[in-house]
Amino acid sequence: MTYKPALNYPLDLYYLMDLTVSMRDDKDTLVSMGGSLAKALYELTQNYRLGFGSFADKPKMPFVFPNEKYTENPCAPEKDVCEPLYGFRHRLNFTTNIESFVQKVNSSDVTGNVDNLEGGLDALMQILVCGEKIGWQERARKIIVFASDGQMHFAGDGLLAGIVEKHDKLCHLSDDGEYLASTQIDYPSLEEIYRTLMKEKVSVIFVVTRDVHSHYDQIHNLLHGMSSVGTLMMDSSNILELVGNGYKEFVKQVEFFDNAPPYIRVDYETTCGGYYKYPKAQRRCDNVETNKMYEFYINITLLDEPKDGRTKDTIRIEESHITDESLVLDIEIEDVCECLTEEIGEPNSPLCNMKGEMKCGMCICEAGWAGSQCD
């Protein structure tokens, strides 16, 4: 199997922003970077689209002020003005028009909540499972830029507001992009987010302030291979650099997985484009270069007979970050040869590199060895 990273592969970049009042300056910085943003993305790939959404937290006590007069303006205690609290709002479908993106960010007002924990996981899940409403392309690299200066609420925190129903991993966006289940179901768990990221093949770049970096670094470690984290400067002036670094981190790695059933084992070997002198048993390569060929050798081993008696199966091999592209293997399973059950073989045969048994004119290799001569 040959893999070659394409130049200018399509990119869908969704900018998910914490729009609580403390992020107002960061929003203004993003607006001012319109032209620079277009140039930065163009240098990554000429084929990109931008989407935009914002989050805050569940509009329910104790995450909001109990006084009803603060419902319309939760920033009143700080002698400021902002819009009512909401969970998540999808504001802009994917577009190639940078001006539309900047205008939408600029017209989005901030809001306020009581604590410094935000409902970012609610927002992430909706962006992942509401594919049709968000507008993800099937054939594209999908990345969410998650910008925040606050820590996250996790599964179970909804109990503080009397929300006991577990997250259902379903789409709850209205036609105008409002998250409708914010006060009905709990926050999703990190495991649920991780599994959905892998299923939908979406990566996350956490761009966060220094005081919460360690919090998101732990989250990044748990979302193995599907996230990166960078530290925002106080004025967010390095946001483009962090987005570029995160994108390059994902592009420079390739990892394959398959849907083989329990009775079939798929082994991968590669030199990672010459990085190793001899093929090494692994399914991942780092520091991958654009337009360079990478060969992966695939070995298929039948571990047991299918219990349902089937004689054919299909295995799909996919890259972990690229959608709508895969290698499909049609497997034919032959009946066990009588020779294999009756004939006495030659253990540690020289014809099998001393690593297998010669039986019925072929090598039956020991665990960890493969090939016609177990070499």
Protein backbone atom coordinates (compact mmCIF):
# COMPACT_ATOMS: atom_id res chain seq x y z
CA MET A 1 0.00 0.00 0.00
CA THR A 2 1.40 3.40 -1.00
CA TYR A 3 0.58 6.69 0.73
CA LYS A 4 1.47 10.10 -0.69
CA PRO A 5 0.40 13.32 1.12
CA ALA A 6 -1.20 15.61 -1.45
CA LEU A 7 -0.33 19.26 -1.91
CA ASN A 8 -3.26 21.64 -1.33
CA TYR A 9 -5.51 18.91 0.09
CA PRO A 10 -8.93 20.40 1.03
CA LEU A 11 -9.14 21.86 4.55
CA ASP A 12 -12.28 22.61 6.57
CA LEU A 13 -11.25 24.77 9.54
CA TYR A 14 -13.93 25.46 12.14
CA TYR A 15 -13.10 28.28 14.56
CA LEU A 16 -14.83 27.58 17.88
CA MET A 17 -14.49 30.49 20.27
CA ASP A 18 -15.21 30.97 23.95
CA LEU A 19 -17.21 34.22 23.85
CA THR A 20 -17.53 34.87 27.56
CA VAL A 21 -16.72 38.47 28.42
CA SER A 22 -13.07 37.82 29.30
CA MET A 23 -12.47 36.84 25.64
CA ARG A 24 -13.67 40.15 24.18
CA ASP A 25 -10.13 41.38 23.42
CA ASP A 26 -9.31 38.07 21.76
CA LYS A 27 -12.36 38.40 19.53
CA ASP A 28 -11.30 41.90 18.50
CA THR A 29 -7.81 40.63 17.69
CA LEU A 30 -9.23 37.90 15.44
CA VAL A 31 -11.33 40.50 13.60
CA SER A 32 -8.29 42.69 13.01
CA MET A 33 -6.39 39.75 11.49
CA GLY A 34 -8.74 39.17 8.57
CA GLY A 35 -6.21 39.64 5.77
CA SER A 36 -3.41 37.95 7.69
CA LEU A 37 -5.67 34.97 8.38
CA ALA A 38 -6.38 34.51 4.68
CA LYS A 39 -2.68 34.66 3.86
CA ALA A 40 -1.74 32.23 6.66
CA LEU A 41 -4.30 29.65 5.53
CA TYR A 42 -3.31 30.05 1.89
CA GLU A 43 0.26 29.15 2.82
CA LEU A 44 -1.02 25.91 4.38
CA THR A 45 -3.33 24.97 1.51
CA GLN A 46 -4.93 26.92 -1.31
CA ASN A 47 -8.10 24.87 -0.89
CA TYR A 48 -9.61 25.90 2.45
CA ARG A 49 -12.97 26.85 3.98
CA LEU A 50 -13.75 28.54 7.30
CA GLY A 51 -16.65 28.02 9.70
CA PHE A 52 -17.40 29.78 12.98
CA GLY A 53 -19.25 29.13 16.21
CA SER A 54 -19.12 30.22 19.84
CA PHE A 55 -19.84 28.75 23.24
CA ALA A 56 -20.29 29.82 26.85
CA ASP A 57 -22.10 27.54 29.31
CA LYS A 58 -25.43 26.02 30.30
CA PRO A 59 -27.88 28.91 31.02
CA LYS A 60 -29.00 27.46 34.31
CA MET A 61 -28.11 27.96 37.97
CA PRO A 62 -25.47 27.76 39.38
CA PHE A 63 -23.79 28.72 36.09
CA VAL A 64 -25.84 31.93 35.85
CA PHE A 65 -26.71 34.58 38.42
CA PRO A 66 -29.91 33.72 40.34
CA ASN A 67 -31.29 37.25 40.06
CA GLU A 68 -33.72 37.45 37.13
CA LYS A 69 -32.64 40.98 36.29
CA TYR A 70 -29.29 39.56 35.20
CA THR A 71 -30.87 37.11 32.75
CA GLU A 72 -30.89 39.55 29.85
CA ASN A 73 -27.55 41.08 30.81
CA PRO A 74 -25.36 38.67 32.80
CA CYS A 75 -22.52 41.21 32.70
CA ALA A 76 -24.46 43.79 34.73
CA PRO A 77 -22.66 42.92 38.03
CA GLU A 78 -19.44 44.00 36.31
CA LYS A 79 -21.15 47.18 35.06
CA ASP A 80 -20.86 45.94 31.51
CA VAL A 81 -23.30 44.97 28.76
CA CYS A 82 -23.48 41.61 27.03
CA GLU A 83 -26.03 39.20 25.59
CA PRO A 84 -27.88 36.47 27.55
CA LEU A 85 -25.97 33.29 28.35
CA TYR A 86 -26.23 30.37 25.91
CA GLY A 87 -24.56 26.95 25.56
CA PHE A 88 -23.40 26.78 21.94
CA ARG A 89 -24.26 28.73 18.81
CA HIS A 90 -23.23 27.71 15.30
CA ARG A 91 -22.90 31.06 13.56
CA LEU A 92 -21.38 30.50 10.12
CA ASN A 93 -21.41 27.59 7.68
CA PHE A 94 -18.15 26.84 5.92
CA THR A 95 -17.17 29.51 3.42
CA THR A 96 -14.19 30.57 1.33
CA ASN A 97 -15.12 34.21 1.90
CA ILE A 98 -12.80 35.61 4.58
CA GLU A 99 -14.78 38.85 4.77
CA SER A 100 -17.95 36.94 5.67
CA PHE A 101 -16.03 35.14 8.39
CA VAL A 102 -14.63 38.38 9.83
CA GLN A 103 -18.04 40.09 9.70
CA LYS A 104 -19.68 37.20 11.54
CA VAL A 105 -17.01 37.20 14.26
CA ASN A 106 -17.27 40.98 14.59
CA SER A 107 -21.08 40.92 14.92
CA SER A 108 -21.02 38.20 17.60
CA ASP A 109 -21.38 39.72 21.06
CA VAL A 110 -19.87 38.32 24.23
CA THR A 111 -21.85 36.89 27.14
CA GLY A 112 -21.19 36.12 30.81
CA ASN A 113 -21.47 33.33 33.38
CA VAL A 114 -20.69 32.93 37.06
CA ASP A 115 -17.77 30.50 37.20
CA ASN A 116 -14.59 30.19 35.14
CA LEU A 117 -15.53 26.76 33.80
CA GLU A 118 -17.09 26.69 30.34
CA GLY A 119 -19.27 24.32 28.32
CA GLY A 120 -16.80 23.68 25.51
CA LEU A 121 -17.44 19.93 25.40
CA ASP A 122 -21.12 20.56 24.61
CA ALA A 123 -20.01 22.69 21.66
CA LEU A 124 -17.41 20.18 20.44
CA MET A 125 -19.91 17.33 20.39
CA GLN A 126 -22.48 19.31 18.39
CA ILE A 127 -19.88 20.33 15.80
CA LEU A 128 -18.88 16.68 15.46
CA VAL A 129 -22.31 15.03 15.21
CA CYS A 130 -24.22 17.75 13.33
CA GLY A 131 -22.28 17.24 10.11
CA GLU A 132 -25.07 18.22 7.72
CA LYS A 133 -25.91 21.42 9.57
CA ILE A 134 -22.27 22.39 10.11
CA GLY A 135 -21.46 21.59 6.48
CA TRP A 136 -18.33 19.42 6.73
CA GLN A 137 -17.02 18.16 3.38
CA GLU A 138 -16.65 14.41 3.01
CA ARG A 139 -13.26 14.65 1.35
CA ALA A 140 -11.27 17.11 3.43
CA ARG A 141 -8.98 17.40 6.40
CA LYS A 142 -11.23 18.53 9.26
CA ILE A 143 -9.86 20.70 12.06
CA ILE A 144 -11.52 22.56 14.93
CA VAL A 145 -9.63 25.49 16.46
CA PHE A 146 -10.81 25.70 20.09
CA ALA A 147 -9.98 29.12 21.63
CA SER A 148 -10.58 29.73 25.34
CA ASP A 149 -9.21 31.25 28.54
CA GLY A 150 -11.28 29.05 30.87
CA GLN A 151 -11.27 25.43 31.97
CA MET A 152 -13.92 22.92 30.94
CA HIS A 153 -16.93 21.38 32.59
CA PHE A 154 -16.94 17.58 32.29
CA ALA A 155 -19.55 14.83 32.37
CA GLY A 156 -21.24 14.83 35.77
CA ASP A 157 -21.00 18.59 36.32
CA GLY A 158 -24.54 18.94 34.99
CA LEU A 159 -25.72 17.49 38.32
CA LEU A 160 -24.88 20.88 39.87
CA ALA A 161 -27.77 22.30 37.84
CA GLY A 162 -30.07 19.32 38.41
CA ILE A 163 -29.34 17.86 34.96
CA VAL A 164 -29.20 14.09 35.35
CA GLU A 165 -29.74 12.81 31.81
CA LYS A 166 -26.58 11.40 30.24
CA HIS A 167 -25.39 12.91 26.96
CA ASP A 168 -26.85 11.02 23.99
CA LYS A 169 -24.22 11.97 21.35
CA LEU A 170 -26.97 13.21 19.01
CA CYS A 171 -27.42 16.47 17.13
CA HIS A 172 -29.57 19.06 18.91
CA LEU A 173 -29.01 22.16 16.76
CA SER A 174 -31.95 24.24 15.58
CA ASP A 175 -32.15 25.46 12.00
CA ASP A 176 -30.57 28.75 13.09
CA GLY A 177 -27.69 27.01 14.89
CA GLU A 178 -28.83 27.18 18.52
CA TYR A 179 -28.00 24.24 20.82
CA LEU A 180 -31.42 23.22 22.13
CA ALA A 181 -30.47 20.57 24.70
CA SER A 182 -28.10 22.67 26.80
CA THR A 183 -30.31 22.54 29.90
CA GLN A 184 -31.72 19.03 29.26
CA ILE A 185 -28.65 16.75 29.03
CA ASP A 186 -25.29 16.59 30.80
CA TYR A 187 -21.92 17.49 29.30
CA PRO A 188 -20.32 14.68 27.26
CA SER A 189 -17.34 12.81 28.67
CA LEU A 190 -13.83 13.05 27.24
CA GLU A 191 -14.03 9.42 26.16
CA GLU A 192 -17.21 10.17 24.19
CA ILE A 193 -15.50 13.16 22.58
CA TYR A 194 -12.41 11.08 21.74
CA ARG A 195 -14.38 8.26 20.17
CA THR A 196 -16.45 10.74 18.13
CA LEU A 197 -13.33 12.60 16.97
CA MET A 198 -11.91 9.30 15.71
CA LYS A 199 -15.18 8.25 14.09
CA GLU A 200 -15.67 11.57 12.29
CA LYS A 201 -11.89 12.01 11.66
CA VAL A 202 -11.78 15.52 13.10
CA SER A 203 -8.73 17.00 14.86
CA VAL A 204 -8.73 19.73 17.52
CA ILE A 205 -6.20 22.52 18.06
CA PHE A 206 -6.59 23.93 21.58
CA VAL A 207 -5.34 27.55 21.64
CA VAL A 208 -5.59 28.65 25.26
CA THR A 209 -4.13 31.17 27.69
CA ARG A 210 -1.11 30.34 29.82
CA ASP A 211 -3.01 30.01 33.11
CA VAL A 212 -5.14 27.13 31.78
CA HIS A 213 -2.53 25.51 29.53
CA SER A 214 -1.81 22.64 31.95
CA HIS A 215 -5.54 21.85 32.08
CA TYR A 216 -5.73 21.50 28.31
CA ASP A 217 -2.39 19.72 28.13
CA GLN A 218 -3.92 16.92 30.20
CA ILE A 219 -6.93 16.84 27.87
CA HIS A 220 -4.58 16.76 24.88
CA ASN A 221 -2.79 13.71 26.34
CA LEU A 222 -6.12 11.91 26.70
CA LEU A 223 -7.20 12.75 23.14
CA HIS A 224 -4.15 10.91 21.80
CA GLY A 225 -3.33 11.65 18.17
CA MET A 226 -6.44 13.77 17.64
CA SER A 227 -5.42 17.08 19.26
CA SER A 228 -2.65 19.61 19.80
CA VAL A 229 -2.36 22.48 22.28
CA GLY A 230 -0.71 25.89 22.09
CA THR A 231 -0.44 28.88 24.41
CA LEU A 232 -2.11 32.14 23.45
CA MET A 233 -0.38 35.41 24.19
CA MET A 234 -2.37 37.92 26.25
CA ASP A 235 -3.58 39.74 23.14
CA SER A 236 -3.94 36.56 21.01
CA SER A 237 -1.50 38.05 18.49
CA ASN A 238 0.11 34.62 17.95
CA ILE A 239 -3.15 32.85 17.03
CA LEU A 240 -2.14 32.40 13.37
CA GLU A 241 1.18 30.86 14.39
CA LEU A 242 -0.58 28.38 16.71
CA VAL A 243 -3.09 27.40 14.02
CA GLY A 244 -0.25 26.86 11.54
CA ASN A 245 1.77 24.78 14.00
CA GLY A 246 -1.23 22.63 14.88
CA TYR A 247 -2.09 22.04 11.22
CA LYS A 248 1.49 21.04 10.40
CA GLU A 249 1.56 18.68 13.39
CA PHE A 250 -1.44 16.77 12.02
CA VAL A 251 -0.25 16.81 8.41
CA LYS A 252 3.18 15.44 9.34
CA GLN A 253 1.77 12.27 10.85
CA VAL A 254 0.07 9.33 9.16
CA GLU A 255 -1.49 6.38 10.93
CA PHE A 256 -3.66 3.59 9.57
CA PHE A 257 -6.35 1.53 11.23
CA ASP A 258 -8.67 -1.21 10.00
CA ASN A 259 -11.98 -2.89 10.78
CA ALA A 260 -10.68 -6.47 10.70
CA PRO A 261 -12.87 -8.98 12.60
CA PRO A 262 -11.44 -10.86 15.62
CA TYR A 263 -10.53 -13.93 13.55
CA ILE A 264 -8.32 -11.93 11.13
CA ARG A 265 -5.14 -10.08 12.09
CA VAL A 266 -3.73 -7.24 9.98
CA ASP A 267 -0.02 -6.47 10.47
CA TYR A 268 1.69 -3.37 9.07
CA GLU A 269 5.35 -2.88 8.16
CA THR A 270 7.04 0.23 6.76
CA THR A 271 10.38 1.99 6.43
CA CYS A 272 8.55 5.34 6.77
CA GLY A 273 9.93 6.58 3.48
CA GLY A 274 13.46 5.37 4.16
CA TYR A 275 13.66 6.61 7.76
CA TYR A 276 14.30 2.99 8.81
CA LYS A 277 16.83 0.83 6.94
CA TYR A 278 14.55 -2.20 7.11
CA PRO A 279 10.73 -2.42 7.34
CA LYS A 280 9.55 -2.01 10.91
CA ALA A 281 6.34 -3.41 12.41
CA GLN A 282 4.26 -0.26 12.87
CA ARG A 283 1.26 1.46 11.35
CA ARG A 284 2.33 5.08 11.96
CA CYS A 285 4.96 7.45 10.57
CA ASP A 286 5.91 10.92 11.82
CA ASN A 287 7.57 13.85 10.03
CA VAL A 288 5.81 12.92 6.79
CA GLU A 289 6.70 15.12 3.80
CA THR A 290 4.30 16.37 1.13
CA ASN A 291 4.53 14.64 -2.26
CA LYS A 292 6.82 11.88 -0.92
CA MET A 293 5.86 8.22 -1.29
CA TYR A 294 5.45 6.04 1.81
CA GLU A 295 5.02 2.30 1.42
CA PHE A 296 3.24 0.11 3.96
CA TYR A 297 3.37 -3.66 3.64
CA ILE A 298 0.17 -5.37 4.74
CA ASN A 299 0.15 -8.95 6.06
CA ILE A 300 -3.18 -10.72 6.57
CA THR A 301 -3.36 -13.69 8.98
CA LEU A 302 -6.38 -15.91 9.57
CA LEU A 303 -6.38 -16.62 13.31
CA ASP A 304 -9.47 -18.83 13.43
CA GLU A 305 -12.34 -20.04 11.30
CA PRO A 306 -15.35 -17.68 11.28
CA LYS A 307 -17.96 -19.04 13.66
CA ASP A 308 -20.75 -18.20 11.21
CA GLY A 309 -19.09 -20.25 8.46
CA ARG A 310 -18.60 -17.35 6.07
CA THR A 311 -16.06 -17.79 3.28
CA LYS A 312 -15.68 -14.11 2.31
CA ASP A 313 -15.04 -10.92 4.21
CA THR A 314 -14.13 -7.30 3.50
CA ILE A 315 -11.54 -5.28 5.40
CA ARG A 316 -11.28 -1.52 5.08
CA ILE A 317 -7.97 0.23 5.85
CA GLU A 318 -8.22 3.98 6.48
CA GLU A 319 -5.96 6.85 7.49
CA SER A 320 -6.88 8.32 10.87
CA HIS A 321 -7.31 11.96 9.74
CA ILE A 322 -8.48 11.70 6.12
CA THR A 323 -12.12 10.98 5.25
CA ASP A 324 -13.65 9.30 2.22
CA GLU A 325 -10.42 7.54 1.18
CA SER A 326 -9.59 3.94 2.01
CA LEU A 327 -8.08 0.69 0.80
CA VAL A 328 -10.66 -2.10 0.57
CA LEU A 329 -9.48 -5.71 0.76
CA ASP A 330 -11.81 -8.51 -0.32
CA ILE A 331 -10.81 -11.64 1.61
CA GLU A 332 -11.65 -15.21 0.54
CA ILE A 333 -11.41 -17.77 3.34
CA GLU A 334 -10.59 -21.30 2.18
CA ASP A 335 -11.49 -24.47 4.06
CA VAL A 336 -8.71 -25.92 6.19
CA CYS A 337 -6.53 -28.17 4.03
CA GLU A 338 -6.57 -31.82 5.19
CA CYS A 339 -2.81 -31.87 4.71
CA LEU A 340 -2.37 -29.33 7.50
CA THR A 341 -4.21 -31.51 9.98
CA GLU A 342 -2.76 -34.88 8.96
CA GLU A 343 0.82 -34.41 7.75
CA ILE A 344 3.69 -34.18 10.24
CA GLY A 345 5.75 -31.08 9.52
CA GLU A 346 9.41 -30.15 9.97
CA PRO A 347 9.77 -27.70 12.93
CA ASN A 348 12.41 -24.96 12.68
CA SER A 349 12.96 -25.78 9.03
CA PRO A 350 15.96 -24.16 7.28
CA LEU A 351 13.59 -23.50 4.40
CA CYS A 352 11.60 -21.32 6.81
CA ASN A 353 14.60 -19.38 8.11
CA MET A 354 14.49 -21.53 11.30
CA LYS A 355 11.44 -19.47 12.30
CA GLY A 356 8.67 -21.73 11.18
CA GLU A 357 7.43 -25.22 10.38
CA MET A 358 7.59 -26.65 6.83
CA LYS A 359 4.31 -28.40 6.24
CA CYS A 360 2.38 -29.25 3.09
CA GLY A 361 5.03 -27.51 1.01
CA MET A 362 4.76 -24.16 2.77
CA CYS A 363 6.07 -22.38 5.86
CA ILE A 364 3.83 -21.96 8.89
CA CYS A 365 5.61 -19.11 10.66
CA GLU A 366 6.05 -18.56 14.37
CA ALA A 367 4.37 -15.57 16.01
CA GLY A 368 6.09 -12.35 14.98
CA TRP A 369 7.34 -13.71 11.66
CA ALA A 370 5.73 -13.62 8.22
CA GLY A 371 6.44 -14.14 4.55
CA SER A 372 6.80 -17.20 2.31
CA GLN A 373 10.04 -18.13 4.13
CA CYS A 374 9.31 -16.47 7.50
CA ASP A 375 11.88 -13.78 6.76
